[in-house]
Protein backbone atom coordinates (compact mmCIF):
# COMPACT_ATOMS: atom_id res chain seq x y z
CA MET A 1 -5.20 -68.59 -9.23
CA SER A 2 -8.38 -70.50 -8.34
CA GLU A 3 -11.76 -69.40 -9.65
CA SER A 4 -12.91 -68.38 -6.16
CA ASN A 5 -9.77 -66.33 -5.60
CA ALA A 6 -10.14 -64.74 -9.02
CA GLU A 7 -13.69 -63.72 -8.23
CA ALA A 8 -12.56 -62.26 -4.90
CA VAL A 9 -9.86 -60.29 -6.66
CA ALA A 10 -12.32 -58.96 -9.24
CA SER A 11 -14.70 -57.92 -6.48
CA ALA A 12 -11.91 -56.17 -4.59
CA VAL A 13 -10.78 -54.29 -7.67
CA ALA A 14 -14.30 -53.25 -8.59
CA SER A 15 -14.91 -52.01 -5.05
CA ALA A 16 -11.66 -50.07 -5.05
CA THR A 17 -12.33 -48.37 -8.36
CA GLU A 18 -15.92 -47.53 -7.45
CA ALA A 19 -14.72 -46.00 -4.19
CA ALA A 20 -12.14 -43.98 -6.09
CA THR A 21 -14.86 -42.66 -8.36
CA GLU A 22 -16.91 -41.53 -5.37
CA ALA A 23 -13.78 -39.88 -4.00
CA ALA A 24 -13.79 -37.48 -6.94
CA ALA A 25 -16.71 -35.69 -5.33
CA GLY A 26 -14.98 -35.30 -1.97
CA GLY A 27 -13.20 -37.09 0.86
CA TRP A 28 -9.98 -37.48 -1.13
CA ARG A 29 -7.73 -37.55 1.89
CA ARG A 30 -9.64 -40.50 3.34
CA THR A 31 -9.41 -42.51 0.13
CA THR A 32 -5.89 -41.95 -1.20
CA GLY A 33 -5.06 -45.59 -0.50
CA LEU A 34 -7.85 -46.76 -2.79
CA ALA A 35 -6.80 -44.19 -5.37
CA GLY A 36 -3.32 -45.67 -5.24
CA VAL A 37 -4.74 -49.10 -6.01
CA ALA A 38 -6.54 -47.77 -9.08
CA ILE A 39 -3.39 -46.01 -10.29
CA GLY A 40 -1.37 -49.16 -9.81
CA VAL A 41 -3.82 -51.06 -11.98
CA VAL A 42 -3.44 -48.64 -14.87
CA ALA A 43 0.24 -47.79 -14.54
CA ALA A 44 1.18 -51.46 -14.63
CA GLY A 45 -0.44 -51.58 -18.05
CA ALA A 46 -3.25 -53.87 -16.93
CA ALA A 47 -6.02 -51.29 -17.03
CA ALA A 48 -8.46 -53.91 -15.84
CA GLY A 49 -7.63 -55.43 -12.43
CA VAL A 50 -4.94 -57.16 -10.39
CA ALA A 51 -4.25 -60.24 -8.32
CA ILE A 52 -3.57 -58.93 -4.79
CA GLU A 53 -1.02 -61.09 -2.98
CA ARG A 54 -0.47 -61.05 0.76
CA LEU A 55 2.81 -59.49 1.80
CA THR A 56 4.78 -61.46 4.39
CA VAL A 57 7.72 -59.11 5.00
CA GLY A 58 7.51 -56.06 7.25
CA ARG A 59 6.87 -52.73 5.54
CA GLY A 60 10.00 -51.15 6.98
CA MET A 61 12.16 -53.97 5.67
CA ARG A 62 10.62 -53.70 2.22
CA GLN A 63 11.24 -49.97 2.14
CA LYS A 64 14.89 -50.49 3.07
CA ALA A 65 15.20 -53.13 0.35
CA ARG A 66 13.82 -50.71 -2.26
CA LEU A 67 16.29 -48.04 -1.22
CA ALA A 68 19.16 -50.53 -1.40
CA LEU A 69 18.11 -51.67 -4.88
CA ASP A 70 17.79 -48.07 -6.05
CA SER A 71 21.34 -47.28 -4.96
CA ALA A 72 22.93 -50.49 -6.23
CA GLY A 73 20.93 -51.27 -9.36
CA PRO A 74 23.03 -50.78 -12.52
CA TYR A 75 20.09 -50.63 -14.89
CA GLY A 76 19.04 -47.59 -16.88
CA GLY A 77 22.36 -45.78 -16.58
CA LEU A 78 23.42 -45.94 -20.23
CA ARG A 79 23.48 -42.52 -21.90
CA GLY A 80 24.19 -41.39 -25.46
CA THR A 81 24.50 -38.15 -27.36
CA PRO A 82 21.35 -36.17 -26.51
CA GLY A 83 19.10 -34.50 -29.04
CA LYS A 84 15.68 -32.89 -29.31
CA ALA A 85 12.94 -33.16 -31.90
CA TYR A 86 9.70 -31.23 -32.03
CA ALA A 87 6.29 -32.75 -32.66
CA ASP A 88 3.73 -31.06 -34.89
CA ASP A 89 2.07 -29.50 -31.83
CA GLY A 90 5.41 -28.21 -30.51
CA THR A 91 6.03 -30.94 -27.93
CA GLU A 92 9.75 -31.36 -27.23
CA LEU A 93 10.80 -34.98 -27.74
CA TYR A 94 14.05 -36.17 -26.19
CA TYR A 95 16.28 -38.76 -27.84
CA GLU A 96 19.79 -40.14 -27.54
CA VAL A 97 22.10 -41.52 -30.21
CA ASP A 98 24.71 -44.25 -29.75
CA ASP A 99 27.08 -44.18 -32.71
CA VAL A 100 29.08 -47.04 -34.20
CA GLU A 101 32.66 -47.45 -33.02
CA PRO A 102 35.25 -46.94 -35.80
CA ALA A 103 36.44 -50.55 -35.79
CA ALA A 104 32.89 -51.87 -36.15
CA GLU A 105 32.12 -49.32 -38.86
CA SER A 106 34.92 -50.55 -41.13
CA ALA A 107 33.67 -54.12 -40.77
CA LEU A 108 30.20 -53.06 -41.91
CA THR A 109 31.21 -51.15 -45.04
CA ARG A 110 31.51 -54.14 -47.41
CA ARG A 111 28.23 -55.61 -46.20
CA ARG A 112 26.38 -52.32 -46.79
CA ARG A 113 27.83 -51.87 -50.28
CA ARG A 114 26.60 -55.30 -51.27
CA LEU A 115 23.11 -54.79 -49.84
CA PHE A 116 22.45 -51.18 -50.75
CA GLY A 117 24.64 -50.64 -53.81
CA ARG A 118 26.21 -47.42 -52.54
CA LYS A 119 29.87 -46.66 -52.46
CA ALA A 120 29.71 -44.87 -49.13
CA PRO A 121 26.27 -45.65 -47.72
CA ALA A 122 24.92 -44.02 -44.59
CA PRO A 123 24.92 -46.39 -41.62
CA VAL A 124 21.82 -48.35 -40.75
CA THR A 125 20.18 -46.82 -37.68
CA VAL A 126 18.04 -48.82 -35.28
CA VAL A 127 15.27 -46.70 -33.71
CA PHE A 128 13.82 -48.05 -30.46
CA SER A 129 10.32 -47.04 -29.28
CA HIS A 130 9.24 -47.90 -25.73
CA GLY A 131 5.90 -48.82 -24.22
CA TYR A 132 3.23 -47.25 -22.02
CA CYS A 133 4.45 -45.89 -18.67
CA LEU A 134 8.05 -46.80 -19.52
CA ASN A 135 10.89 -44.84 -21.12
CA GLN A 136 13.87 -45.42 -23.39
CA ASP A 137 15.77 -47.16 -20.58
CA SER A 138 13.42 -50.15 -20.88
CA TRP A 139 15.74 -51.29 -23.69
CA HIS A 140 18.73 -51.29 -21.30
CA PHE A 141 20.01 -54.79 -22.08
CA GLN A 142 19.61 -54.52 -25.84
CA ARG A 143 21.26 -51.10 -25.79
CA ALA A 144 24.19 -52.46 -23.82
CA ALA A 145 24.62 -55.36 -26.25
CA LEU A 146 24.43 -53.28 -29.43
CA ARG A 147 26.42 -50.32 -28.13
CA GLY A 148 29.19 -49.50 -30.59
CA VAL A 149 28.12 -52.28 -32.98
CA VAL A 150 25.31 -50.45 -34.75
CA ARG A 151 24.00 -46.88 -34.69
CA THR A 152 20.95 -46.68 -32.43
CA VAL A 153 18.41 -44.04 -31.44
CA HIS A 154 16.45 -44.29 -28.21
CA TRP A 155 13.68 -41.78 -27.57
CA ASP A 156 11.08 -41.01 -24.93
CA GLN A 157 7.45 -40.81 -26.00
CA ARG A 158 5.65 -37.55 -25.22
CA SER A 159 5.06 -37.00 -21.49
CA HIS A 160 7.37 -39.93 -20.69
CA GLY A 161 10.97 -39.99 -19.51
CA ARG A 162 12.91 -36.86 -20.46
CA SER A 163 10.47 -35.73 -23.14
CA ALA A 164 8.26 -32.76 -22.36
CA ARG A 165 4.62 -32.88 -21.41
CA GLY A 166 2.46 -33.17 -24.53
CA VAL A 167 1.47 -29.67 -25.60
CA SER A 168 -1.91 -30.76 -26.98
CA GLN A 169 -2.65 -32.53 -23.71
CA GLY A 170 -1.45 -29.83 -21.32
CA ARG A 171 -2.86 -26.91 -23.30
CA ASP A 172 -6.02 -28.31 -24.83
CA GLY A 173 -6.77 -31.28 -22.58
CA ALA A 174 -6.77 -33.53 -25.63
CA PRO A 175 -6.23 -37.27 -25.12
CA VAL A 176 -3.27 -38.89 -26.79
CA THR A 177 -3.86 -40.89 -29.96
CA ILE A 178 -1.71 -43.60 -31.47
CA GLU A 179 -1.75 -41.62 -34.71
CA GLU A 180 -0.18 -38.71 -32.85
CA LEU A 181 2.57 -41.00 -31.58
CA GLY A 182 3.29 -42.10 -35.16
CA ARG A 183 3.78 -38.46 -36.13
CA ASP A 184 6.04 -38.00 -33.10
CA LEU A 185 8.21 -40.89 -34.27
CA ARG A 186 8.46 -39.27 -37.69
CA ALA A 187 9.70 -36.05 -36.03
CA VAL A 188 12.38 -38.01 -34.17
CA ILE A 189 13.47 -39.78 -37.36
CA ASP A 190 13.68 -36.48 -39.24
CA ALA A 191 15.89 -35.02 -36.51
CA ALA A 192 18.04 -38.00 -35.55
CA VAL A 193 18.11 -40.05 -38.78
CA PRO A 194 17.77 -37.60 -41.67
CA GLU A 195 19.26 -40.10 -44.12
CA GLY A 196 20.12 -43.74 -44.48
CA PRO A 197 18.30 -47.02 -43.87
CA ILE A 198 16.34 -47.62 -40.67
CA VAL A 199 15.31 -50.60 -38.57
CA LEU A 200 12.25 -49.89 -36.43
CA VAL A 201 11.92 -51.64 -33.06
CA GLY A 202 8.86 -51.16 -30.86
CA HIS A 203 7.61 -52.71 -27.63
CA SER A 204 3.91 -52.67 -26.73
CA MET A 205 2.74 -49.07 -27.30
CA GLY A 206 6.03 -48.52 -29.13
CA GLY A 207 5.05 -51.23 -31.60
CA MET A 208 1.72 -49.48 -32.12
CA THR A 209 3.67 -46.27 -32.72
CA VAL A 210 5.68 -48.04 -35.43
CA MET A 211 2.45 -49.23 -37.07
CA ALA A 212 1.03 -45.70 -36.94
CA LEU A 213 4.18 -44.38 -38.61
CA ALA A 214 3.75 -46.88 -41.44
CA ASP A 215 0.09 -46.02 -41.79
CA ALA A 216 0.77 -42.28 -42.07
CA TYR A 217 4.06 -42.40 -44.00
CA PRO A 218 4.12 -45.45 -46.27
CA ASP A 219 6.66 -43.78 -48.57
CA LEU A 220 9.13 -43.51 -45.68
CA VAL A 221 8.75 -47.20 -44.95
CA ARG A 222 9.12 -48.18 -48.60
CA GLU A 223 12.17 -45.98 -49.22
CA ARG A 224 14.13 -46.24 -45.98
CA VAL A 225 12.96 -48.96 -43.58
CA VAL A 226 14.92 -52.22 -43.96
CA GLY A 227 13.65 -54.17 -40.97
CA VAL A 228 11.02 -54.15 -38.22
CA ALA A 229 10.77 -55.75 -34.77
CA LEU A 230 7.41 -55.80 -32.99
CA VAL A 231 7.74 -56.94 -29.37
CA GLY A 232 4.79 -57.69 -27.10
CA THR A 233 2.42 -55.53 -29.09
CA SER A 234 -0.93 -55.57 -30.87
CA SER A 235 -2.46 -54.29 -34.08
CA GLY A 236 -5.90 -53.89 -32.48
CA ARG A 237 -8.79 -55.41 -30.50
CA LEU A 238 -7.18 -54.54 -27.17
CA GLY A 239 -10.62 -53.95 -25.73
CA GLU A 240 -11.07 -57.73 -25.66
CA VAL A 241 -8.07 -58.44 -23.40
CA ASN A 242 -9.12 -59.89 -20.00
CA PHE A 243 -5.80 -59.33 -18.16
CA GLY A 244 -6.00 -62.73 -16.49
CA LEU A 245 -9.26 -61.93 -14.73
CA PRO A 246 -12.70 -63.54 -14.98
CA VAL A 247 -15.08 -61.85 -17.40
CA ALA A 248 -17.21 -60.38 -14.61
CA GLY A 249 -14.20 -58.69 -13.05
CA VAL A 250 -13.00 -57.25 -16.35
CA ASN A 251 -16.41 -55.86 -17.19
CA ALA A 252 -16.77 -54.31 -13.74
CA VAL A 253 -13.44 -52.54 -14.00
CA ARG A 254 -14.03 -51.37 -17.57
CA ARG A 255 -17.36 -49.91 -16.53
CA VAL A 256 -15.86 -47.59 -13.92
CA LEU A 257 -12.29 -47.12 -15.09
CA PRO A 258 -12.80 -44.19 -17.52
CA GLY A 259 -14.54 -42.18 -14.81
CA VAL A 260 -11.93 -43.13 -12.24
CA LEU A 261 -9.09 -42.05 -14.49
CA LYS A 262 -10.72 -38.74 -15.33
CA ALA A 263 -11.34 -38.00 -11.67
CA LEU A 264 -7.87 -39.06 -10.56
CA GLY A 265 -6.21 -37.05 -13.31
CA GLN A 266 -7.88 -33.93 -11.96
CA ARG A 267 -6.45 -34.57 -8.49
CA ALA A 268 -2.96 -35.58 -9.55
CA GLU A 269 -1.00 -34.12 -6.63
CA LEU A 270 -3.12 -35.75 -3.96
CA VAL A 271 -3.34 -39.01 -5.85
CA GLU A 272 0.45 -39.24 -6.14
CA LYS A 273 0.60 -39.17 -2.33
CA GLY A 274 -1.79 -42.12 -2.23
CA ARG A 275 0.29 -43.86 -4.85
CA ARG A 276 3.40 -43.54 -2.70
CA ALA A 277 1.47 -44.78 0.32
CA THR A 278 0.59 -47.99 -1.52
CA ALA A 279 4.10 -48.67 -2.83
CA ASP A 280 4.15 -52.24 -1.53
CA LEU A 281 0.95 -53.17 -3.34
CA PHE A 282 2.17 -51.32 -6.41
CA ALA A 283 5.34 -53.42 -6.51
CA GLY A 284 3.28 -56.63 -6.43
CA ILE A 285 1.06 -55.39 -9.24
CA ILE A 286 4.02 -54.54 -11.45
CA LYS A 287 5.67 -57.90 -10.90
CA ARG A 288 2.50 -59.77 -11.81
CA TYR A 289 1.84 -57.81 -14.97
CA SER A 290 5.44 -57.35 -16.11
CA PHE A 291 7.14 -60.69 -15.50
CA ALA A 292 6.27 -64.38 -15.52
CA SER A 293 9.51 -65.93 -14.23
CA ARG A 294 9.95 -66.62 -10.53
CA ASP A 295 13.66 -65.81 -10.48
CA VAL A 296 13.71 -62.29 -11.97
CA ASP A 297 16.51 -60.25 -10.44
CA PRO A 298 14.95 -58.03 -7.73
CA ALA A 299 17.01 -55.13 -9.08
CA VAL A 300 15.39 -55.57 -12.51
CA ALA A 301 11.93 -55.73 -10.96
CA ARG A 302 12.66 -52.56 -9.01
CA PHE A 303 14.03 -50.92 -12.16
CA ALA A 304 10.74 -51.61 -13.94
CA GLU A 305 8.82 -50.34 -10.94
CA ARG A 306 10.73 -47.05 -10.94
CA MET A 307 10.02 -46.45 -14.62
CA ILE A 308 6.32 -47.14 -14.23
CA GLU A 309 5.80 -45.21 -11.01
CA SER A 310 7.50 -42.15 -12.54
CA THR A 311 4.60 -41.75 -14.99
CA PRO A 312 2.19 -39.14 -13.53
CA ILE A 313 -1.43 -40.15 -13.13
CA ASP A 314 -2.67 -37.44 -15.48
CA VAL A 315 -0.40 -38.85 -18.21
CA VAL A 316 -1.70 -42.36 -17.48
CA ALA A 317 -5.23 -41.02 -17.94
CA GLU A 318 -4.44 -39.19 -21.18
CA TYR A 319 -3.12 -42.32 -22.86
CA TYR A 320 -5.69 -44.87 -21.75
CA PRO A 321 -8.42 -44.18 -24.35
CA ALA A 322 -5.93 -44.60 -27.20
CA PHE A 323 -5.59 -48.34 -26.68
CA ASN A 324 -9.25 -49.21 -27.12
CA ASP A 325 -9.32 -47.08 -30.29
CA HIS A 326 -6.12 -48.56 -31.71
CA ASP A 327 -6.51 -50.53 -34.96
CA LYS A 328 -3.57 -50.62 -37.35
CA THR A 329 -4.12 -54.05 -38.85
CA GLU A 330 -4.13 -52.71 -42.40
CA ALA A 331 -0.88 -50.82 -41.81
CA LEU A 332 0.97 -54.11 -41.37
CA ALA A 333 0.84 -54.60 -45.14
CA HIS A 334 3.56 -51.95 -45.46
CA PHE A 335 5.97 -54.38 -43.76
CA ALA A 336 5.15 -57.35 -45.99
CA ASP A 337 8.37 -57.25 -48.03
CA LEU A 338 10.71 -56.52 -45.11
CA PRO A 339 12.56 -58.71 -42.61
CA VAL A 340 10.23 -58.69 -39.59
CA LEU A 341 10.61 -60.11 -36.09
CA VAL A 342 7.43 -60.61 -34.06
CA LEU A 343 8.20 -61.62 -30.46
CA ALA A 344 6.07 -62.01 -27.35
CA GLY A 345 5.90 -63.67 -23.96
CA VAL A 346 3.45 -66.55 -23.81
CA ARG A 347 2.34 -65.43 -20.33
CA ASP A 348 1.87 -61.77 -21.23
CA LEU A 349 -1.35 -60.60 -19.55
CA VAL A 350 -1.25 -57.08 -21.01
CA THR A 351 -0.90 -57.79 -24.73
CA PRO A 352 -1.41 -61.55 -24.96
CA SER A 353 0.78 -63.51 -27.34
CA GLU A 354 -2.28 -64.29 -29.47
CA HIS A 355 -2.05 -60.69 -30.69
CA SER A 356 1.51 -61.31 -31.88
CA GLU A 357 0.38 -64.51 -33.57
CA ALA A 358 -2.30 -62.52 -35.36
CA ILE A 359 0.32 -60.02 -36.58
CA ALA A 360 2.56 -62.84 -37.80
CA GLY A 361 -0.42 -64.40 -39.54
CA LEU A 362 -0.72 -61.27 -41.66
CA LEU A 363 3.04 -61.24 -42.33
CA PRO A 364 3.79 -64.80 -43.45
CA GLU A 365 7.49 -64.11 -43.98
CA ALA A 366 7.95 -62.73 -40.46
CA GLU A 367 9.85 -64.65 -37.80
CA LEU A 368 7.49 -65.40 -34.90
CA VAL A 369 9.14 -66.04 -31.52
CA LEU A 370 6.99 -66.96 -28.52
CA VAL A 371 8.90 -67.06 -25.22
CA PRO A 372 7.32 -69.62 -22.86
CA ASP A 373 8.28 -68.24 -19.44
CA ALA A 374 7.87 -64.53 -20.15
CA GLY A 375 5.48 -61.71 -19.38
CA HIS A 376 4.96 -58.27 -20.85
CA LEU A 377 8.47 -56.91 -20.22
CA VAL A 378 10.10 -59.78 -22.08
CA MET A 379 13.12 -57.67 -23.13
CA LEU A 380 13.99 -57.20 -19.45
CA GLU A 381 12.96 -60.66 -18.33
CA HIS A 382 14.79 -62.63 -21.04
CA PRO A 383 17.30 -60.15 -22.50
CA GLU A 384 19.63 -62.79 -23.95
CA LEU A 385 16.90 -64.33 -26.10
CA VAL A 386 15.44 -61.00 -27.22
CA THR A 387 18.86 -59.60 -28.09
CA ASP A 388 19.86 -62.72 -30.01
CA ARG A 389 16.71 -62.59 -32.14
CA LEU A 390 17.14 -58.87 -32.66
CA ALA A 391 20.77 -59.35 -33.70
CA ASP A 392 19.64 -61.92 -36.25
CA LEU A 393 17.10 -59.45 -37.64
CA LEU A 394 19.78 -56.77 -37.90
CA ALA A 395 22.02 -59.17 -39.80
CA ARG A 396 19.21 -59.94 -42.25
CA ALA A 397 18.56 -56.22 -42.65
CA GLY A 398 22.23 -55.49 -43.31
CA ALA A 399 22.71 -53.45 -40.16
CA VAL A 400 25.46 -55.74 -38.84
CA PRO A 401 27.58 -58.47 -40.43
CA ALA A 402 26.19 -61.97 -40.02
CA ALA A 403 29.19 -62.86 -37.86
CA ALA A 404 28.87 -59.83 -35.58
CA THR A 405 28.99 -60.56 -31.88
CA VAL A 406 26.74 -58.76 -29.43
CA GLU A 407 27.35 -59.27 -25.77
CA GLY A 408 27.14 -57.62 -22.39
CA TYR A 409 23.40 -57.92 -21.99
CA GLY A 410 23.72 -60.06 -18.85
CA SER A 411 20.97 -61.99 -17.10
CA THR A 412 17.92 -61.11 -15.06
CA SER A 413 18.13 -64.26 -12.99
CA SER A 414 18.39 -63.67 -9.26
CA THR A 415 21.52 -65.83 -9.29
CA ALA A 416 23.38 -63.77 -11.86
CA GLY A 417 24.34 -60.13 -12.00
CA PRO A 418 24.25 -57.86 -15.00
CA GLY A 419 26.88 -58.22 -17.68
């Protein structure tokens, strides 16, 4: 994007967000389109501005294409044994467990005895934590590949997916904190993995959740965690991210965004109508801030769009302040003696790969993987690579035999269907 185009984009975003702020005082019905733009900015995880591309296909045709992808897309349909955990404020947290198939379990027994010195050790459980405005289905390809090979737990963060609305947020109007998410993860572990070794896997906000868990419960990490994967995440300094925009544009958006979010969150029902009205723009925003490849399967792009657009605006608003406050750099020390995978897309505009490099710099023994042609949703964009590196981590952690085969994760290329 040229400098002149970037400046035009920044100006357009600033104008849109300022107009949305004024709309809080009245005239909401006349400005729902602008409100939809502001929501798209935040829900895509950018929280600072977008590159608006011209659409060349008729709106009716695009709507038909979305409906066709929704009916045919195979992604996000994997389900496990459901369970519920309860956070310290009473929030109901939904999770699912995929257990190991008997044949795979027998192959793992000798490996576990050697690593953990127990005659009949509990199976290693891999706990997946998803990112902002997503849900547990964002790990679709990795879940498909590991299904039956290793015990896994997939859960929805509070107010996301099938988990209930955060009690502290709905009752008290309190913003979400990363520390609170760490306590939520502990509640899920207590309910779904009461014993045995654990591998923690987190993407973006999910990685921050893993860090918060370690910060609050170092004994749990020391006694039970045998491996960690941090994907497209950050240990802090997110307030410095420019989201691919010129500095002037970022500063303009940051100046008005907190007020915009507060105002929009108070008019959630009306804003959601505006959000639906701007679906075409929303899809373009998501693609820019989620993927870097040109040939991402349209069904995968639509799958990501559905997850993100399902997050209500008031939930988007409740989470936003947590990212600027997030700093868990010191918590990384609790992972120093563990097998750790740090992975990121080089073209990630939401949590730039420099943040992953900084994490790896503090964990010298960690494996650092930077994926050249990848954006923020690297596990959907390049599932084969992410799953391969994750499988290697699980082998090092003793969760699967070194010779274990994981497959079925397919491709997101537009020329190949899902496996």
